[in-house]
Protein backbone atom coordinates (compact mmCIF):
# COMPACT_ATOMS: atom_id res chain seq x y z
CA MET A 1 92.09 103.14 108.59
CA LYS A 2 89.58 104.54 106.11
CA GLN A 3 86.07 103.17 106.49
CA ARG A 4 84.52 101.84 103.30
CA THR A 5 80.99 100.87 102.40
CA TYR A 6 80.33 97.70 100.41
CA ARG A 7 77.18 96.57 98.68
CA ILE A 8 76.28 92.93 99.33
CA LEU A 9 73.95 90.72 97.33
CA LEU A 10 71.79 88.26 99.24
CA THR A 11 70.39 85.50 97.08
CA PRO A 12 67.70 83.17 98.46
CA GLN A 13 68.60 79.51 97.98
CA GLU A 14 66.12 76.82 97.01
CA GLU A 15 67.14 74.68 99.98
CA GLY A 16 66.70 77.64 102.34
CA GLY A 17 68.97 80.34 103.60
CA PHE A 18 70.93 82.84 101.56
CA SER A 19 74.16 83.04 99.64
CA VAL A 20 75.97 86.34 100.04
CA SER A 21 78.41 87.93 97.61
CA VAL A 22 80.31 91.21 97.60
CA PRO A 23 80.45 92.37 93.95
CA THR A 24 83.32 94.80 94.56
CA LEU A 25 85.50 92.09 96.15
CA PRO A 26 85.79 89.20 93.67
CA GLY A 27 85.75 85.88 95.49
CA CYS A 28 84.31 87.26 98.73
CA PHE A 29 81.34 85.02 99.57
CA THR A 30 79.50 83.58 102.55
CA GLN A 31 76.16 81.97 103.32
CA SER A 32 73.59 82.07 106.08
CA GLU A 33 70.17 80.89 107.23
CA THR A 34 68.79 84.40 107.95
CA THR A 35 69.23 87.89 106.53
CA GLU A 36 70.42 89.21 109.90
CA GLU A 37 73.10 86.54 110.15
CA ALA A 38 73.98 87.08 106.47
CA ILE A 39 74.78 90.74 107.09
CA LYS A 40 76.88 89.88 110.15
CA LEU A 41 78.80 87.17 108.26
CA ALA A 42 79.27 89.46 105.24
CA LYS A 43 80.94 92.06 107.47
CA LYS A 44 83.26 89.35 108.82
CA ALA A 45 84.02 88.03 105.31
CA ILE A 46 84.84 91.55 104.07
CA SER A 47 87.11 92.15 107.06
CA LEU A 48 88.98 88.87 106.51
CA TYR A 49 89.26 89.54 102.77
CA VAL A 50 90.81 92.98 103.28
CA GLU A 51 93.07 91.75 106.12
CA GLY A 52 94.27 88.93 103.85
CA LEU A 53 95.20 91.37 101.11
CA GLU A 54 97.05 93.59 103.56
CA SER A 55 98.92 90.72 105.23
CA ASP A 56 100.02 89.44 101.81
CA GLY A 57 101.35 92.91 101.02
CA GLU A 58 98.91 93.34 98.17
CA THR A 59 97.57 96.75 97.33
CA PHE A 60 93.88 97.22 97.82
CA GLN A 61 92.03 98.25 94.69
CA VAL A 62 88.40 99.20 94.90
CA VAL A 63 86.46 97.65 92.05
CA THR A 64 83.99 100.04 90.50
CA GLU A 65 80.60 99.88 92.19
CA ILE A 66 77.78 98.36 90.22
CA SER A 67 74.67 100.41 89.58
CA ASP A 68 71.24 99.54 90.92
CA ALA A 69 70.25 98.48 87.39
CA GLU A 70 73.25 96.13 87.21
CA ALA A 71 72.39 94.70 90.64
CA LYS A 72 68.81 94.05 89.48
CA GLU A 73 70.16 92.39 86.34
CA LEU A 74 72.42 90.13 88.43
CA LEU A 75 69.55 89.15 90.70
CA GLN A 76 67.29 88.41 87.72
CA ALA A 77 70.03 86.26 86.17
CA LYS A 78 70.31 84.30 89.42
CA ARG A 79 66.53 83.82 89.52
CA ASP A 80 66.54 82.68 85.89
CA PHE A 81 69.32 80.21 86.66
CA LEU A 82 67.53 78.80 89.70
CA GLU A 83 64.35 78.41 87.63
CA GLY A 84 66.29 76.60 84.90
CA LYS A 85 65.76 79.33 82.30
CA ILE A 86 69.52 79.69 81.75
CA THR A 87 72.41 77.30 82.20
CA ALA A 88 75.71 77.75 83.98
CA ARG A 89 78.69 79.05 82.05
CA PRO A 90 82.01 77.22 82.13
CA TRP A 91 84.31 78.42 84.94
CA GLU A 92 87.05 79.40 82.45
CA GLU A 93 84.65 81.82 80.77
CA ILE A 94 83.59 83.31 84.11
CA LYS A 95 87.24 83.79 85.18
CA LYS A 96 87.92 85.72 81.96
CA ASP A 97 85.00 88.05 82.75
CA LEU A 98 86.25 88.56 86.31
CA VAL A 99 89.71 89.50 85.06
CA ARG A 100 88.23 91.97 82.58
CA THR A 101 86.11 93.63 85.26
CA THR A 102 88.78 93.83 87.97
CA LEU A 103 91.85 95.01 86.06
CA PHE A 104 92.40 98.75 85.73
């Protein structure tokens, strides 16, 4: 099995702890109280995500990596949201964006 490297985004939560997302695997999320635990749980979430695809007979497509600038932009958007500077978008609009970014 080929080893892959995935970038994870850890976002501090107002109530404490971190939410963790894997930008290259849409829908792959977890959460944790500490950064150390977040990394451990992210590895487990990635493993389960990929195993799920394989067991369902789905082909694994690597989504294009995001650049450091895009990662910074995502983090700033999350900060702005948490500070109330921007509002949430409707889920239907977000799903359309996900489809556009994951289809080849």
